[in-house]
C-alpha atoms as a PDB file:
ATOM      1  CA  MET A   1     -66.125 -49.037  15.268  1.00  0.00           C
ATOM      2  CA  ARG A   2     -68.575 -46.855  17.113  1.00  0.00           C
ATOM      3  CA  LYS A   3     -67.549 -43.239  17.709  1.00  0.00           C
ATOM      4  CA  ILE A   4     -68.437 -41.789  21.113  1.00  0.00           C
ATOM      5  CA  ASN A   5     -69.616 -38.202  21.577  1.00  0.00           C
ATOM      6  CA  LEU A   6     -66.865 -36.487  23.541  1.00  0.00           C
ATOM      7  CA  ARG A   7     -69.016 -33.529  24.620  1.00  0.00           C
ATOM      8  CA  ASN A   8     -69.786 -35.293  27.899  1.00  0.00           C
ATOM      9  CA  SER A   9     -66.357 -36.494  28.946  1.00  0.00           C
ATOM     10  CA  ASP A  10     -67.624 -38.325  32.057  1.00  0.00           C
ATOM     11  CA  VAL A  11     -69.938 -40.497  29.947  1.00  0.00           C
ATOM     12  CA  ALA A  12     -67.176 -41.144  27.416  1.00  0.00           C
ATOM     13  CA  ASP A  13     -64.681 -41.971  30.181  1.00  0.00           C
ATOM     14  CA  GLU A  14     -67.078 -44.501  31.724  1.00  0.00           C
ATOM     15  CA  PHE A  15     -67.803 -46.045  28.321  1.00  0.00           C
ATOM     16  CA  PHE A  16     -64.111 -46.559  27.574  1.00  0.00           C
ATOM     17  CA  MET A  17     -63.350 -47.757  31.113  1.00  0.00           C
ATOM     18  CA  ASN A  18     -66.075 -50.384  30.717  1.00  0.00           C
ATOM     19  CA  ALA A  19     -64.218 -51.559  27.606  1.00  0.00           C
ATOM     20  CA  ALA A  20     -61.035 -51.781  29.703  1.00  0.00           C
ATOM     21  CA  LEU A  21     -62.923 -53.784  32.329  1.00  0.00           C
ATOM     22  CA  LEU A  22     -63.960 -56.262  29.619  1.00  0.00           C
ATOM     23  CA  GLU A  23     -60.282 -56.683  28.787  1.00  0.00           C
ATOM     24  CA  ALA A  24     -59.509 -57.250  32.480  1.00  0.00           C
ATOM     25  CA  ARG A  25     -62.096 -60.040  32.555  1.00  0.00           C
ATOM     26  CA  LYS A  26     -60.369 -61.669  29.564  1.00  0.00           C
ATOM     27  CA  ALA A  27     -57.119 -61.666  31.532  1.00  0.00           C
ATOM     28  CA  GLU A  28     -58.881 -63.135  34.555  1.00  0.00           C
ATOM     29  CA  LEU A  29     -60.314 -65.992  32.485  1.00  0.00           C
ATOM     30  CA  LYS A  30     -56.750 -66.826  31.409  1.00  0.00           C
ATOM     31  CA  GLY A  31     -55.492 -66.850  35.010  1.00  0.00           C
ATOM     32  CA  GLU A  32     -53.686 -63.553  34.491  1.00  0.00           C
ATOM     33  CA  VAL A  33     -53.803 -60.620  36.905  1.00  0.00           C
ATOM     34  CA  PRO A  34     -57.009 -58.922  35.717  1.00  0.00           C
ATOM     35  CA  VAL A  35     -55.866 -55.610  34.298  1.00  0.00           C
ATOM     36  CA  GLY A  36     -57.363 -54.281  31.093  1.00  0.00           C
ATOM     37  CA  CYS A  37     -56.650 -51.334  28.857  1.00  0.00           C
ATOM     38  CA  VAL A  38     -57.893 -49.550  25.749  1.00  0.00           C
ATOM     39  CA  VAL A  39     -56.358 -46.748  23.701  1.00  0.00           C
ATOM     40  CA  VAL A  40     -58.725 -44.207  22.163  1.00  0.00           C
ATOM     41  CA  SER A  41     -58.192 -41.822  19.271  1.00  0.00           C
ATOM     42  CA  GLU A  42     -60.810 -39.389  17.997  1.00  0.00           C
ATOM     43  CA  GLY A  43     -63.564 -41.034  20.031  1.00  0.00           C
ATOM     44  CA  ARG A  44     -62.807 -44.579  18.828  1.00  0.00           C
ATOM     45  CA  ILE A  45     -61.053 -47.503  20.458  1.00  0.00           C
ATOM     46  CA  ILE A  46     -58.016 -48.207  18.291  1.00  0.00           C
ATOM     47  CA  SER A  47     -56.442 -50.913  20.443  1.00  0.00           C
ATOM     48  CA  ARG A  48     -57.112 -53.177  23.386  1.00  0.00           C
ATOM     49  CA  GLY A  49     -54.911 -55.099  25.756  1.00  0.00           C
ATOM     50  CA  HIS A  50     -54.962 -57.194  28.884  1.00  0.00           C
ATOM     51  CA  ASN A  51     -52.257 -58.712  31.012  1.00  0.00           C
ATOM     52  CA  LEU A  52     -50.489 -61.669  29.399  1.00  0.00           C
ATOM     53  CA  SER A  53     -47.260 -61.842  31.430  1.00  0.00           C
ATOM     54  CA  ILE A  54     -47.927 -65.373  32.696  1.00  0.00           C
ATOM     55  CA  SER A  55     -49.178 -66.781  29.384  1.00  0.00           C
ATOM     56  CA  LEU A  56     -46.345 -65.256  27.360  1.00  0.00           C
ATOM     57  CA  LYS A  57     -43.735 -65.693  30.098  1.00  0.00           C
ATOM     58  CA  ASP A  58     -42.920 -62.028  29.528  1.00  0.00           C
ATOM     59  CA  PRO A  59     -42.645 -59.555  32.419  1.00  0.00           C
ATOM     60  CA  THR A  60     -43.330 -56.670  30.008  1.00  0.00           C
ATOM     61  CA  ALA A  61     -46.640 -58.085  28.709  1.00  0.00           C
ATOM     62  CA  HIS A  62     -48.771 -55.711  30.760  1.00  0.00           C
ATOM     63  CA  ALA A  63     -52.126 -54.535  29.420  1.00  0.00           C
ATOM     64  CA  GLU A  64     -50.830 -51.016  28.766  1.00  0.00           C
ATOM     65  CA  ILE A  65     -47.724 -52.132  26.878  1.00  0.00           C
ATOM     66  CA  ILE A  66     -49.755 -54.467  24.677  1.00  0.00           C
ATOM     67  CA  ALA A  67     -52.371 -51.766  23.936  1.00  0.00           C
ATOM     68  CA  ILE A  68     -49.722 -49.092  23.254  1.00  0.00           C
ATOM     69  CA  LYS A  69     -47.879 -51.351  20.795  1.00  0.00           C
ATOM     70  CA  LYS A  70     -51.125 -52.149  18.955  1.00  0.00           C
ATOM     71  CA  ALA A  71     -52.110 -48.453  18.867  1.00  0.00           C
ATOM     72  CA  ALA A  72     -48.738 -47.466  17.416  1.00  0.00           C
ATOM     73  CA  LYS A  73     -49.160 -50.072  14.673  1.00  0.00           C
ATOM     74  CA  ALA A  74     -52.732 -48.938  13.981  1.00  0.00           C
ATOM     75  CA  LEU A  75     -51.673 -45.293  13.659  1.00  0.00           C
ATOM     76  CA  LYS A  76     -48.352 -46.155  11.995  1.00  0.00           C
ATOM     77  CA  ASN A  77     -46.622 -43.855  14.463  1.00  0.00           C
ATOM     78  CA  TYR A  78     -44.724 -44.402  17.692  1.00  0.00           C
ATOM     79  CA  ARG A  79     -46.134 -41.156  19.047  1.00  0.00           C
ATOM     80  CA  LEU A  80     -49.726 -41.312  20.221  1.00  0.00           C
ATOM     81  CA  THR A  81     -50.066 -37.573  20.826  1.00  0.00           C
ATOM     82  CA  ASN A  82     -53.831 -37.258  20.442  1.00  0.00           C
ATOM     83  CA  CYS A  83     -54.701 -40.499  22.196  1.00  0.00           C
ATOM     84  CA  SER A  84     -56.182 -41.313  25.564  1.00  0.00           C
ATOM     85  CA  ILE A  85     -55.473 -44.510  27.473  1.00  0.00           C
ATOM     86  CA  TYR A  86     -57.912 -46.167  29.849  1.00  0.00           C
ATOM     87  CA  VAL A  87     -56.631 -48.751  32.302  1.00  0.00           C
ATOM     88  CA  THR A  88     -58.389 -50.451  35.187  1.00  0.00           C
ATOM     89  CA  ILE A  89     -55.495 -50.109  37.653  1.00  0.00           C
ATOM     90  CA  GLU A  90     -52.976 -47.299  38.111  1.00  0.00           C
ATOM     91  CA  PRO A  91     -49.982 -48.032  35.880  1.00  0.00           C
ATOM     92  CA  CYS A  92     -46.686 -49.361  37.250  1.00  0.00           C
ATOM     93  CA  PRO A  93     -43.363 -47.563  36.597  1.00  0.00           C
ATOM     94  CA  MET A  94     -42.737 -49.430  33.330  1.00  0.00           C
ATOM     95  CA  CYS A  95     -46.185 -48.678  31.926  1.00  0.00           C
ATOM     96  CA  ALA A  96     -46.189 -45.080  33.167  1.00  0.00           C
ATOM     97  CA  GLY A  97     -42.864 -44.588  31.380  1.00  0.00           C
ATOM     98  CA  ALA A  98     -44.267 -46.071  28.174  1.00  0.00           C
ATOM     99  CA  ILE A  99     -47.258 -43.728  28.410  1.00  0.00           C
ATOM    100  CA  VAL A 100     -44.912 -40.736  28.675  1.00  0.00           C
ATOM    101  CA  TRP A 101     -42.605 -41.917  25.851  1.00  0.00           C
ATOM    102  CA  ALA A 102     -45.614 -42.525  23.592  1.00  0.00           C
ATOM    103  CA  ARG A 103     -46.685 -38.923  24.290  1.00  0.00           C
ATOM    104  CA  ILE A 104     -50.194 -40.029  25.205  1.00  0.00           C
ATOM    105  CA  LYS A 105     -52.363 -37.015  25.966  1.00  0.00           C
ATOM    106  CA  LYS A 106     -54.678 -38.388  28.666  1.00  0.00           C
ATOM    107  CA  LEU A 107     -54.633 -41.274  31.137  1.00  0.00           C
ATOM    108  CA  CYS A 108     -57.775 -42.450  32.918  1.00  0.00           C
ATOM    109  CA  PHE A 109     -57.487 -45.200  35.465  1.00  0.00           C
ATOM    110  CA  GLY A 110     -59.915 -46.915  37.763  1.00  0.00           C
ATOM    111  CA  ALA A 111     -58.302 -47.965  41.031  1.00  0.00           C
ATOM    112  CA  SER A 112     -55.133 -46.619  42.607  1.00  0.00           C
ATOM    113  CA  ASP A 113     -52.303 -49.032  43.397  1.00  0.00           C
ATOM    114  CA  SER A 114     -50.615 -48.340  46.723  1.00  0.00           C
ATOM    115  CA  ARG A 115     -47.825 -50.847  46.002  1.00  0.00           C
ATOM    116  CA  THR A 116     -46.609 -49.998  42.504  1.00  0.00           C
ATOM    117  CA  GLY A 117     -48.786 -47.129  41.277  1.00  0.00           C
ATOM    118  CA  SER A 118     -46.639 -44.627  39.434  1.00  0.00           C
ATOM    119  CA  CYS A 119     -49.220 -42.043  38.442  1.00  0.00           C
ATOM    120  CA  GLY A 120     -49.606 -40.392  41.828  1.00  0.00           C
ATOM    121  CA  SER A 121     -49.647 -43.144  44.461  1.00  0.00           C
ATOM    122  CA  ILE A 122     -45.978 -43.920  45.178  1.00  0.00           C
ATOM    123  CA  LEU A 123     -44.412 -42.061  42.242  1.00  0.00           C
ATOM    124  CA  ASP A 124     -45.727 -39.679  39.648  1.00  0.00           C
ATOM    125  CA  ILE A 125     -43.926 -40.455  36.433  1.00  0.00           C
ATOM    126  CA  VAL A 126     -46.637 -39.162  34.099  1.00  0.00           C
ATOM    127  CA  GLN A 127     -46.672 -35.666  35.603  1.00  0.00           C
ATOM    128  CA  ASN A 128     -42.990 -35.332  36.431  1.00  0.00           C
ATOM    129  CA  ASN A 129     -41.785 -31.936  35.217  1.00  0.00           C
ATOM    130  CA  SER A 130     -38.292 -33.330  34.601  1.00  0.00           C
ATOM    131  CA  PHE A 131     -39.642 -35.020  31.467  1.00  0.00           C
ATOM    132  CA  ASN A 132     -40.488 -33.180  28.265  1.00  0.00           C
ATOM    133  CA  HIS A 133     -44.054 -34.521  28.253  1.00  0.00           C
ATOM    134  CA  ASN A 134     -46.748 -34.570  30.934  1.00  0.00           C
ATOM    135  CA  VAL A 135     -49.945 -36.566  30.745  1.00  0.00           C
ATOM    136  CA  GLU A 136     -53.355 -35.332  31.801  1.00  0.00           C
ATOM    137  CA  VAL A 137     -54.619 -37.755  34.485  1.00  0.00           C
ATOM    138  CA  LYS A 138     -58.126 -38.625  35.597  1.00  0.00           C
ATOM    139  CA  LYS A 139     -58.269 -41.016  38.553  1.00  0.00           C
ATOM    140  CA  GLY A 140     -61.119 -43.101  39.909  1.00  0.00           C
ATOM    141  CA  VAL A 141     -63.171 -43.758  36.768  1.00  0.00           C
ATOM    142  CA  LEU A 142     -65.289 -46.818  37.709  1.00  0.00           C
ATOM    143  CA  ARG A 143     -62.998 -47.187  40.722  1.00  0.00           C
ATOM    144  CA  CYS A 144     -65.159 -49.695  42.614  1.00  0.00           C
ATOM    145  CA  GLU A 145     -65.570 -52.013  39.631  1.00  0.00           C
ATOM    146  CA  SER A 146     -61.850 -51.835  38.859  1.00  0.00           C
ATOM    147  CA  LYS A 147     -60.847 -52.439  42.467  1.00  0.00           C
ATOM    148  CA  ASN A 148     -63.309 -55.295  42.950  1.00  0.00           C
ATOM    149  CA  ILE A 149     -62.139 -57.343  39.977  1.00  0.00           C
ATOM    150  CA  ILE A 150     -58.527 -57.354  41.135  1.00  0.00           C
ATOM    151  CA  THR A 151     -59.322 -57.716  44.851  1.00  0.00           C
ATOM    152  CA  ASN A 152     -61.583 -60.704  44.209  1.00  0.00           C
ATOM    153  CA  PHE A 153     -58.980 -62.294  41.931  1.00  0.00           C
ATOM    154  CA  PHE A 154     -56.313 -62.223  44.644  1.00  0.00           C
ATOM    155  CA  LYS A 155     -58.783 -63.273  47.346  1.00  0.00           C
ATOM    156  CA  ILE A 156     -59.660 -66.407  45.352  1.00  0.00           C
ATOM    157  CA  LYS A 157     -55.988 -67.031  44.573  1.00  0.00           C
ATOM    158  CA  ARG A 158     -55.051 -66.824  48.285  1.00  0.00           C
ATOM    159  CA  THR A 159     -57.915 -69.155  49.225  1.00  0.00           C
ATOM    160  CA  LEU A 160     -56.861 -71.717  46.613  1.00  0.00           C
ATOM    161  CA  ASN A 161     -53.216 -71.514  47.685  1.00  0.00           C
ATOM    162  CA  SER A 162     -54.192 -71.879  51.340  1.00  0.00           C
ATOM    163  CA  SER A 163     -56.333 -74.961  50.666  1.00  0.00           C
ATOM    164  CA  ARG A 164     -53.527 -76.545  48.612  1.00  0.00           C
ATOM    165  CA  GLN A 165     -51.036 -76.017  51.430  1.00  0.00           C
ATOM    166  CA  LYS A 166     -53.349 -77.727  53.946  1.00  0.00           C
ATOM    167  CA  LYS A 167     -53.458 -80.937  51.877  1.00  0.00           C
END
């Protein structure tokens, strides 16, 4: 896998967020809520994930959970202390908790989530001083692209549901 120069963190963050957006598109093609995620260690993507809750009939099959599990296997360690995680949408409480328990160093996300976002929007699990680990957070990386993919998905879904109800 290609190693990215981490000297310019903004360029690296955009590169890895684009990889997460590719994962979100995979979810979208499967009819899943389009959220994508990658975990990075030492400038390399070590795991990828996208939402699979509908396909797997598993409420825990969020992009972050899938990517964290794969990263732990790849590193042969349940602690991902020197890893960064990139996700297109602000993590929910479950995923934010998993990020803390995995001891992930840095979280970058694209769009905030005013309904379930737990990394600053409605809760802040990843920077809660009651826990023994806090995560560095960078918000808004490729925000427009991340927001658009999920907004368009639900817009199309509502339109399809509305046309079905009229028949």
